[in-house]
Amino acid sequence: MLWDHGYTAYVSDIIVRPDFQGQGFGRMVMNDLMDYIKSVMKPGYKIMISLKAAKGKEGFYKKFGFIERPNEDFGPGMHQWI
């Protein structure tokens, strides 16, 4: 996770080795990240957590309150290779 301790944080994706998948390690990492952010947030502040999930893994992140883009309020995520 990258975070400026201000308005925005970024999670690239949680990747667990195939032989360790399904054992709760990804969930543990996401819970720790989300708990950490919440523990240091200033009262009344909001933070946008941007996420780039691997295709087909969106359901995992929905469990943590993330929404898919595009939708009626937000456009698609974007990136560039240089």
Protein backbone atom coordinates (compact mmCIF):
# COMPACT_ATOMS: atom_id res chain seq x y z
CA MET A 1 0.00 0.00 0.00
CA LEU A 2 1.10 3.51 -0.79
CA TRP A 3 -0.43 6.30 1.26
CA ASP A 4 0.44 9.94 1.75
CA HIS A 5 -1.46 9.97 5.08
CA GLY A 6 -3.75 12.47 3.44
CA TYR A 7 -6.56 12.11 0.93
CA THR A 8 -5.61 9.01 -1.04
CA ALA A 9 -4.14 5.53 -0.57
CA TYR A 10 -3.33 2.95 -3.26
CA VAL A 11 -3.38 -0.84 -3.11
CA SER A 12 -1.97 -2.54 -6.20
CA ASP A 13 -3.33 -6.04 -5.49
CA ILE A 14 -2.83 -8.77 -2.91
CA ILE A 15 -1.06 -11.75 -4.42
CA VAL A 16 -0.74 -15.02 -2.50
CA ARG A 17 1.30 -17.95 -3.78
CA PRO A 18 -1.01 -20.63 -5.20
CA ASP A 19 0.06 -23.22 -2.62
CA PHE A 20 -1.01 -20.82 0.19
CA GLN A 21 -4.27 -19.57 -1.35
CA GLY A 22 -7.53 -20.28 0.43
CA GLN A 23 -5.92 -20.17 3.87
CA GLY A 24 -6.90 -16.60 4.77
CA PHE A 25 -3.56 -14.88 4.15
CA GLY A 26 -4.97 -12.37 1.64
CA ARG A 27 -7.88 -11.60 3.96
CA MET A 28 -5.45 -11.10 6.86
CA VAL A 29 -3.34 -8.62 4.84
CA MET A 30 -6.41 -6.66 3.71
CA ASN A 31 -7.84 -6.58 7.23
CA ASP A 32 -4.51 -5.28 8.55
CA LEU A 33 -4.31 -2.58 5.85
CA MET A 34 -7.88 -1.42 6.41
CA ASP A 35 -7.51 -1.49 10.22
CA TYR A 36 -4.29 0.51 10.02
CA ILE A 37 -5.85 3.20 7.85
CA LYS A 38 -8.87 3.48 10.14
CA SER A 39 -6.66 3.63 13.25
CA VAL A 40 -4.68 6.68 12.10
CA MET A 41 -7.43 8.61 10.31
CA LYS A 42 -8.30 11.97 11.78
CA PRO A 43 -11.91 12.20 13.00
CA GLY A 44 -14.23 13.54 10.32
CA TYR A 45 -11.75 12.94 7.48
CA LYS A 46 -12.33 10.69 4.47
CA ILE A 47 -9.73 8.78 2.47
CA MET A 48 -10.10 7.41 -1.05
CA ILE A 49 -8.47 3.98 -1.33
CA SER A 50 -7.73 3.20 -4.97
CA LEU A 51 -7.33 -0.44 -5.92
CA LYS A 52 -6.25 -2.30 -9.03
CA ALA A 53 -7.58 -5.86 -8.74
CA ALA A 54 -6.54 -8.71 -11.01
CA LYS A 55 -9.29 -9.75 -13.42
CA GLY A 56 -11.70 -12.11 -11.73
CA LYS A 57 -10.63 -11.12 -8.20
CA GLU A 58 -13.11 -8.26 -7.75
CA GLY A 59 -15.33 -10.38 -5.48
CA PHE A 60 -12.53 -10.70 -2.93
CA TYR A 61 -12.24 -6.92 -2.63
CA LYS A 62 -16.01 -6.37 -2.50
CA LYS A 63 -15.91 -8.10 0.89
CA PHE A 64 -13.90 -5.10 2.13
CA GLY A 65 -16.31 -2.50 0.77
CA PHE A 66 -14.69 -1.77 -2.60
CA ILE A 67 -16.90 -1.07 -5.60
CA GLU A 68 -16.32 -1.91 -9.25
CA ARG A 69 -15.64 0.76 -11.85
CA PRO A 70 -17.02 1.88 -14.19
CA ASN A 71 -20.44 2.46 -12.71
CA GLU A 72 -23.04 5.24 -12.91
CA ASP A 73 -20.96 7.52 -10.63
CA PHE A 74 -17.35 6.71 -11.54
CA GLY A 75 -15.49 6.04 -14.78
CA PRO A 76 -12.96 3.26 -15.36
CA GLY A 77 -9.59 3.13 -13.69
CA MET A 78 -6.69 4.10 -15.94
CA HIS A 79 -2.99 3.37 -16.25
CA GLN A 80 -0.08 3.80 -18.64
CA TRP A 81 3.00 1.71 -19.40
CA ILE A 82 6.09 3.80 -20.28
